[in-house]
Amino acid sequence: MIDVVRAGLLTTIQDLGRHGYRHLGVAMGGALDRLSLEVGNRLVGNRPDAAGLEITFGPTVLRFPRATRVAITGTEFGATLDGKPVYSWWSLPVQAGQELTLNGARRGMRGYIAVAGGIDVLPMLGSRSTDLAGGFGGLGGRALRDGDRLPVGVPPARPGSWFSPDAPEFGVKAPAWCKFVLVNEPVRRGRHPANVPWAVPIRVLAGPEYDSFTASAHSAFWDDEWLVTPNSNRMGYRLAGTALERQQKADLLSHAVLPGTIQVPPNGQPIILMGDAQTTGGYPKIGAVIQADMWKLAQVRLNGSIRFLPTTPEEAHYALLEERTYLRQIDAAIAMHEERCARQPALAALQAK
């Protein structure tokens, strides 16, 4: 079990989401920064889709009654283990009784804690993710509270493995330090007051109703720097900027929407649908954020600013391929180290002879 000493502002159990139920009105949900959760699970020896904790802003304090292994990914929290500083993107051994403290998020919005064995709550519709709107999944369909106890699955590591609690800590390069996250766009200072000084570039494909907007709306969409308003959540990011007007203002029939869809309601202020978004909507769709940039969007703080960059389907596929390549490189590095660890006892026995 894990004891939740302090839950923080909004901490939920999330995995990679529910798939195959949107036709029934069930949101996909799951970790908003999927890349961070996948890396975290790799660092503790879990399957990539194991359930972990999504922490929004913090602060959060967890106590571990039994020895285990954890990884912190996502934004930097200035974390400590029994008062000793520990770092994000590292696999950390934790001894029985130790407390992990994540202070307030320093830059981004969300952090993830993966624990060996995963958070072992009851799966609902094939996922352990918390659906806050539906009130199911996770722990009672709600955010965690102080005093909660979380069940943990059987750790996958064998004794002497790189992932066992007695193995040394190790880490990987964070995505932010990798070349694949770079986009061909000059850095610009945001025009909105923001917790981050620069507008985050987000690549977007034109949507089905893009041509129904005016030329001035097209210019504003690509050239303006959009503020992520405090009235944003896991369902959608509400943006503030130049109002986007349509040439054709006819109503649309309700239609299917997906996470990443950028809708424009009558007030002209875009809404980017996130993981917990509804499955249908009637607002015109001016664009869609590419899948490879959804994790970046999830880390933009409230009152932070973003900038949309036009892209093509080919570029979107290549960006996703680069992200998957990064994960395969982590898999390869871990497999090589595990192989070396497995050979060490045999080498030691030969040397003893």
Protein backbone atom coordinates (compact mmCIF):
# COMPACT_ATOMS: atom_id res chain seq x y z
CA MET A 1 0.00 0.00 0.00
CA ILE A 2 0.91 3.68 -0.33
CA ASP A 3 -0.29 6.13 2.33
CA VAL A 4 -1.39 9.51 1.02
CA VAL A 5 -0.23 11.89 3.74
CA ARG A 6 -1.01 14.99 1.68
CA ALA A 7 -2.93 14.69 -1.57
CA GLY A 8 -2.38 18.16 -3.00
CA LEU A 9 -4.59 20.25 -5.23
CA LEU A 10 -5.62 17.59 -7.75
CA THR A 11 -3.98 14.17 -7.65
CA THR A 12 -5.63 11.32 -9.52
CA ILE A 13 -4.88 7.75 -10.56
CA GLN A 14 -4.28 7.58 -14.31
CA ASP A 15 -3.02 5.10 -16.88
CA LEU A 16 -3.10 5.45 -20.68
CA GLY A 17 -6.88 5.71 -20.79
CA ARG A 18 -9.98 3.86 -21.96
CA HIS A 19 -10.15 2.82 -25.57
CA GLY A 20 -13.08 1.58 -27.62
CA TYR A 21 -15.93 3.18 -25.67
CA ARG A 22 -16.31 6.65 -27.23
CA HIS A 23 -19.32 5.44 -29.23
CA LEU A 24 -20.99 4.90 -25.84
CA GLY A 25 -20.14 8.42 -24.66
CA VAL A 26 -17.20 7.37 -22.44
CA ALA A 27 -14.22 9.71 -22.55
CA MET A 28 -10.77 8.26 -23.19
CA GLY A 29 -9.25 9.99 -20.15
CA GLY A 30 -5.88 8.79 -18.91
CA ALA A 31 -2.71 10.75 -18.25
CA LEU A 32 -2.71 14.10 -20.02
CA ASP A 33 1.07 13.88 -20.37
CA ARG A 34 1.16 10.31 -21.63
CA LEU A 35 4.85 10.48 -22.51
CA SER A 36 5.84 11.22 -18.90
CA LEU A 37 3.79 8.33 -17.54
CA GLU A 38 5.21 5.92 -20.12
CA VAL A 39 8.79 6.89 -19.24
CA GLY A 40 8.05 6.64 -15.51
CA ASN A 41 6.69 3.12 -15.88
CA ARG A 42 9.76 2.07 -17.81
CA LEU A 43 11.99 3.41 -15.04
CA VAL A 44 10.41 1.09 -12.45
CA GLY A 45 10.05 -1.97 -14.69
CA ASN A 46 6.29 -1.69 -15.27
CA ARG A 47 4.34 -2.11 -18.46
CA PRO A 48 4.01 1.29 -20.19
CA ASP A 49 0.25 1.33 -19.52
CA ALA A 50 0.45 0.67 -15.76
CA ALA A 51 -1.47 3.08 -13.53
CA GLY A 52 0.40 5.83 -11.70
CA LEU A 53 -0.39 9.13 -10.03
CA GLU A 54 -0.97 12.36 -11.91
CA ILE A 55 -0.15 15.33 -9.67
CA THR A 56 -1.37 18.78 -10.63
CA PHE A 57 0.75 21.53 -9.06
CA GLY A 58 1.15 19.69 -5.73
CA PRO A 59 2.28 19.75 -2.98
CA THR A 60 1.94 16.03 -2.31
CA VAL A 61 3.38 13.74 0.38
CA LEU A 62 3.36 9.93 0.13
CA ARG A 63 4.54 7.33 2.66
CA PHE A 64 5.68 3.85 1.59
CA PRO A 65 5.14 1.15 4.25
CA ARG A 66 7.18 -1.37 2.22
CA ALA A 67 10.40 -1.10 0.25
CA THR A 68 9.77 -0.43 -3.42
CA ARG A 69 10.95 1.62 -6.37
CA VAL A 70 9.46 4.85 -7.72
CA ALA A 71 10.06 7.30 -10.54
CA ILE A 72 9.03 10.96 -10.79
CA THR A 73 8.49 12.34 -14.28
CA GLY A 74 6.82 15.37 -15.81
CA THR A 75 7.53 18.77 -14.36
CA GLU A 76 10.08 19.48 -11.63
CA PHE A 77 8.69 19.54 -8.08
CA GLY A 78 11.81 19.99 -5.96
CA ALA A 79 11.09 16.53 -4.52
CA THR A 80 12.69 15.06 -1.42
CA LEU A 81 12.84 11.54 0.04
CA ASP A 82 13.00 11.78 3.83
CA GLY A 83 14.30 15.32 3.36
CA LYS A 84 17.03 14.36 0.87
CA PRO A 85 16.67 15.93 -2.61
CA VAL A 86 15.71 13.54 -5.40
CA TYR A 87 15.21 14.28 -9.06
CA SER A 88 12.69 13.80 -11.82
CA TRP A 89 13.34 11.26 -14.60
CA TRP A 90 15.23 9.00 -12.15
CA SER A 91 14.40 5.53 -10.88
CA LEU A 92 14.64 5.75 -7.09
CA PRO A 93 14.87 2.97 -4.46
CA VAL A 94 12.56 3.62 -1.52
CA GLN A 95 12.91 1.87 1.83
CA ALA A 96 10.06 0.90 4.14
CA GLY A 97 8.69 3.87 6.06
CA GLN A 98 10.20 6.59 3.88
CA GLU A 99 8.21 9.66 2.81
CA LEU A 100 8.34 11.20 -0.65
CA THR A 101 7.50 14.91 -0.71
CA LEU A 102 6.71 16.78 -3.91
CA ASN A 103 6.63 20.51 -3.35
CA GLY A 104 4.83 22.93 -5.65
CA ALA A 105 5.50 22.55 -9.38
CA ARG A 106 8.35 24.84 -10.36
CA ARG A 107 7.71 25.28 -14.08
CA GLY A 108 5.17 23.02 -15.73
CA MET A 109 1.75 21.87 -14.64
CA ARG A 110 1.76 18.13 -14.01
CA GLY A 111 4.00 15.46 -12.56
CA TYR A 112 3.70 11.68 -12.49
CA ILE A 113 4.71 9.09 -9.92
CA ALA A 114 5.18 5.53 -11.14
CA VAL A 115 5.66 2.82 -8.51
CA ALA A 116 6.91 -0.71 -9.15
CA GLY A 117 3.85 -2.91 -9.67
CA GLY A 118 1.58 0.02 -10.54
CA ILE A 119 -1.41 1.38 -8.62
CA ASP A 120 -3.65 -1.68 -8.40
CA VAL A 121 -7.17 -0.29 -8.12
CA LEU A 122 -10.06 -2.14 -9.78
CA PRO A 123 -10.10 -1.66 -13.58
CA MET A 124 -13.28 -0.14 -14.99
CA LEU A 125 -13.96 -0.61 -18.71
CA GLY A 126 -10.42 -1.80 -19.23
CA SER A 127 -8.67 1.07 -17.44
CA ARG A 128 -7.75 2.19 -13.93
CA SER A 129 -7.92 5.88 -14.88
CA THR A 130 -10.05 8.24 -12.84
CA ASP A 131 -12.98 9.75 -14.77
CA LEU A 132 -13.84 12.79 -12.66
CA ALA A 133 -16.88 13.78 -14.71
CA GLY A 134 -18.31 10.26 -14.77
CA GLY A 135 -17.37 9.55 -11.15
CA PHE A 136 -15.81 6.14 -11.77
CA GLY A 137 -12.40 4.55 -12.08
CA GLY A 138 -9.36 5.27 -9.94
CA LEU A 139 -10.22 5.46 -6.25
CA GLY A 140 -13.97 5.93 -6.11
CA GLY A 141 -14.00 8.08 -9.24
CA ARG A 142 -12.53 11.07 -7.37
CA ALA A 143 -9.33 12.95 -6.73
CA LEU A 144 -7.20 11.61 -3.88
CA ARG A 145 -7.66 12.93 -0.34
CA ASP A 146 -5.40 13.12 2.68
CA GLY A 147 -5.41 9.75 4.46
CA ASP A 148 -6.19 7.60 1.41
CA ARG A 149 -4.40 4.25 1.05
CA LEU A 150 -3.52 3.03 -2.42
CA PRO A 151 -3.04 -0.65 -3.29
CA VAL A 152 0.08 -1.52 -5.26
CA GLY A 153 0.46 -4.48 -7.63
CA VAL A 154 3.13 -7.15 -7.46
CA PRO A 155 6.50 -5.60 -8.43
CA PRO A 156 7.76 -7.09 -11.70
CA ALA A 157 11.42 -7.19 -10.65
CA ARG A 158 13.17 -10.27 -9.40
CA PRO A 159 15.75 -10.02 -6.55
CA GLY A 160 19.00 -8.58 -7.84
CA SER A 161 17.27 -6.87 -10.76
CA TRP A 162 18.01 -3.31 -11.75
CA PHE A 163 14.47 -2.48 -10.56
CA SER A 164 14.67 -4.07 -7.10
CA PRO A 165 14.57 -1.77 -4.03
CA ASP A 166 18.21 -2.55 -3.22
CA ALA A 167 19.52 -1.58 -6.69
CA PRO A 168 21.13 1.86 -7.18
CA GLU A 169 19.22 4.76 -8.66
CA PHE A 170 19.52 5.64 -12.33
CA GLY A 171 17.96 8.09 -14.74
CA VAL A 172 17.23 8.96 -18.36
CA LYS A 173 17.34 12.15 -20.38
CA ALA A 174 14.11 14.14 -20.05
CA PRO A 175 12.20 14.78 -23.30
CA ALA A 176 12.71 18.54 -22.89
CA TRP A 177 16.46 17.98 -23.39
CA CYS A 178 16.03 15.90 -26.56
CA LYS A 179 16.24 17.15 -30.12
CA PHE A 180 12.94 15.58 -31.14
CA VAL A 181 10.95 18.17 -29.16
CA LEU A 182 12.42 21.07 -31.12
CA VAL A 183 10.29 22.72 -33.80
CA ASN A 184 11.38 24.96 -36.63
CA GLU A 185 10.01 28.16 -35.14
CA PRO A 186 11.74 31.29 -33.83
CA VAL A 187 11.26 31.84 -30.11
CA ARG A 188 9.00 34.79 -29.33
CA ARG A 189 8.22 36.48 -26.05
CA GLY A 190 4.56 36.12 -25.14
CA ARG A 191 2.35 39.18 -25.11
CA HIS A 192 0.23 37.89 -22.22
CA PRO A 193 1.21 37.97 -18.53
CA ALA A 194 2.40 34.43 -17.92
CA ASN A 195 4.14 32.17 -15.44
CA VAL A 196 6.49 31.19 -18.27
CA PRO A 197 8.20 33.93 -20.28
CA TRP A 198 7.79 32.34 -23.71
CA ALA A 199 4.80 31.14 -25.69
CA VAL A 200 4.95 27.36 -26.10
CA PRO A 201 4.77 26.31 -29.79
CA ILE A 202 2.04 23.75 -30.45
CA ARG A 203 1.72 22.12 -33.88
CA VAL A 204 -1.77 22.04 -35.35
CA LEU A 205 -3.54 20.58 -38.37
CA ALA A 206 -6.31 22.62 -40.01
CA GLY A 207 -9.75 21.38 -39.01
CA PRO A 208 -12.84 20.50 -41.10
CA GLU A 209 -14.43 23.95 -40.63
CA TYR A 210 -11.19 25.92 -41.04
CA ASP A 211 -12.33 27.45 -44.35
CA SER A 212 -15.55 28.75 -42.78
CA PHE A 213 -13.54 31.30 -40.75
CA THR A 214 -12.58 34.73 -42.10
CA ALA A 215 -9.13 35.59 -43.40
CA SER A 216 -8.53 37.80 -40.37
CA ALA A 217 -9.46 34.88 -38.11
CA HIS A 218 -6.94 32.69 -39.91
CA SER A 219 -4.23 35.30 -39.36
CA ALA A 220 -5.11 35.71 -35.69
CA PHE A 221 -5.22 31.96 -35.12
CA TRP A 222 -1.67 31.45 -36.36
CA ASP A 223 -0.11 34.77 -35.33
CA ASP A 224 -1.69 35.48 -31.93
CA GLU A 225 -0.33 34.11 -28.67
CA TRP A 226 -3.16 32.46 -26.82
CA LEU A 227 -3.58 32.65 -23.06
CA VAL A 228 -4.56 29.44 -21.23
CA THR A 229 -7.22 30.80 -18.88
CA PRO A 230 -7.75 29.63 -15.29
CA ASN A 231 -11.15 28.30 -16.43
CA SER A 232 -9.37 25.26 -17.88
CA ASN A 233 -9.28 21.66 -16.68
CA ARG A 234 -8.78 18.06 -17.79
CA MET A 235 -11.80 18.36 -20.09
CA GLY A 236 -10.62 21.38 -22.03
CA TYR A 237 -8.22 24.33 -22.18
CA ARG A 238 -10.14 27.57 -22.66
CA LEU A 239 -8.03 30.14 -24.47
CA ALA A 240 -8.16 33.94 -24.58
CA GLY A 241 -7.05 36.09 -27.49
CA THR A 242 -8.45 37.70 -30.61
CA ALA A 243 -12.04 36.58 -31.23
CA LEU A 244 -12.20 34.28 -34.25
CA GLU A 245 -15.10 35.08 -36.59
CA ARG A 246 -16.74 32.84 -39.17
CA GLN A 247 -17.89 33.75 -42.65
CA GLN A 248 -20.62 31.15 -42.47
CA LYS A 249 -22.38 31.21 -39.12
CA ALA A 250 -24.81 28.39 -39.73
CA ASP A 251 -25.27 25.98 -36.85
CA LEU A 252 -23.63 22.56 -37.06
CA LEU A 253 -25.14 19.23 -36.14
CA SER A 254 -23.55 17.52 -33.15
CA HIS A 255 -20.58 15.49 -34.33
CA ALA A 256 -17.75 13.36 -32.97
CA VAL A 257 -14.77 15.10 -31.35
CA LEU A 258 -11.45 13.83 -29.98
CA PRO A 259 -8.78 15.07 -27.56
CA GLY A 260 -6.76 17.72 -29.38
CA THR A 261 -9.76 19.10 -31.28
CA ILE A 262 -9.83 22.92 -31.25
CA GLN A 263 -13.43 24.14 -31.17
CA VAL A 264 -14.57 27.74 -31.49
CA PRO A 265 -17.80 28.63 -29.62
CA PRO A 266 -19.88 31.72 -30.53
CA ASN A 267 -17.68 34.04 -28.43
CA GLY A 268 -14.75 33.32 -30.76
CA GLN A 269 -12.41 32.10 -28.01
CA PRO A 270 -10.99 28.64 -28.84
CA ILE A 271 -11.30 25.58 -26.62
CA ILE A 272 -8.78 22.73 -26.93
CA LEU A 273 -10.35 19.44 -25.89
CA MET A 274 -8.21 17.42 -23.48
CA GLY A 275 -8.28 13.82 -22.28
CA ASP A 276 -11.52 13.99 -20.29
CA ALA A 277 -13.44 15.85 -23.00
CA GLN A 278 -16.92 14.89 -24.14
CA THR A 279 -17.28 12.60 -27.14
CA THR A 280 -19.53 14.86 -29.27
CA GLY A 281 -19.89 18.60 -29.84
CA GLY A 282 -21.51 21.14 -32.12
CA TYR A 283 -18.94 23.93 -32.31
CA PRO A 284 -16.92 24.40 -35.52
CA LYS A 285 -13.47 22.80 -35.47
CA ILE A 286 -10.77 25.18 -36.67
CA GLY A 287 -7.91 22.77 -36.02
CA ALA A 288 -6.50 19.83 -34.11
CA VAL A 289 -3.35 19.58 -32.01
CA ILE A 290 -1.13 16.75 -33.24
CA GLN A 291 -0.81 13.80 -30.87
CA ALA A 292 2.95 14.29 -30.46
CA ASP A 293 2.37 17.74 -28.92
CA MET A 294 -0.44 16.88 -26.51
CA TRP A 295 2.03 16.17 -23.68
CA LYS A 296 3.61 19.61 -24.18
CA LEU A 297 0.18 21.20 -24.02
CA ALA A 298 -0.60 19.33 -20.78
CA GLN A 299 2.42 21.01 -19.16
CA VAL A 300 1.40 24.61 -20.01
CA ARG A 301 0.45 26.34 -16.78
CA LEU A 302 -2.75 28.28 -16.25
CA ASN A 303 -2.16 31.87 -17.39
CA GLY A 304 0.63 30.56 -19.60
CA SER A 305 0.62 31.22 -23.34
CA ILE A 306 0.83 29.03 -26.42
CA ARG A 307 1.29 29.66 -30.12
CA PHE A 308 -0.13 27.52 -32.91
CA LEU A 309 2.13 26.34 -35.73
CA PRO A 310 0.69 24.96 -38.99
CA THR A 311 1.83 21.46 -39.87
CA THR A 312 0.99 18.64 -42.26
CA PRO A 313 -0.20 15.07 -41.69
CA GLU A 314 3.20 13.81 -42.84
CA GLU A 315 5.00 16.03 -40.31
CA ALA A 316 2.56 14.94 -37.59
CA HIS A 317 3.29 11.26 -38.28
CA TYR A 318 7.03 11.90 -38.27
CA ALA A 319 6.82 13.77 -34.95
CA LEU A 320 5.03 10.79 -33.39
CA LEU A 321 7.64 8.44 -34.86
CA GLU A 322 10.41 10.49 -33.22
CA GLU A 323 8.62 10.27 -29.87
CA ARG A 324 8.30 6.48 -30.19
CA THR A 325 11.97 6.28 -31.15
CA TYR A 326 12.87 8.08 -27.91
CA LEU A 327 10.92 5.47 -25.93
CA ARG A 328 12.52 2.58 -27.83
CA GLN A 329 15.96 4.01 -27.02
CA ILE A 330 15.05 3.95 -23.32
CA ASP A 331 13.84 0.35 -23.67
CA ALA A 332 17.10 -0.64 -25.36
CA ALA A 333 19.26 1.07 -22.73
CA ILE A 334 17.35 -0.60 -19.88
CA ALA A 335 17.51 -4.02 -21.56
CA MET A 336 21.28 -3.71 -22.05
CA HIS A 337 21.83 -2.74 -18.42
CA GLU A 338 19.59 -5.54 -17.16
CA GLU A 339 21.59 -8.00 -19.24
CA ARG A 340 24.83 -6.75 -17.69
CA CYS A 341 23.30 -7.04 -14.22
CA ALA A 342 22.24 -10.63 -14.93
CA ARG A 343 25.77 -11.57 -16.02
CA GLN A 344 27.48 -10.09 -12.96
CA PRO A 345 26.72 -13.01 -10.55
CA ALA A 346 28.04 -15.51 -13.09
CA LEU A 347 31.20 -13.44 -13.63
CA ALA A 348 31.71 -13.14 -9.88
CA ALA A 349 31.44 -16.94 -9.51
CA LEU A 350 34.00 -17.51 -12.27
CA GLN A 351 36.38 -15.03 -10.68
CA ALA A 352 36.00 -16.80 -7.31
CA LYS A 353 37.07 -20.08 -8.93
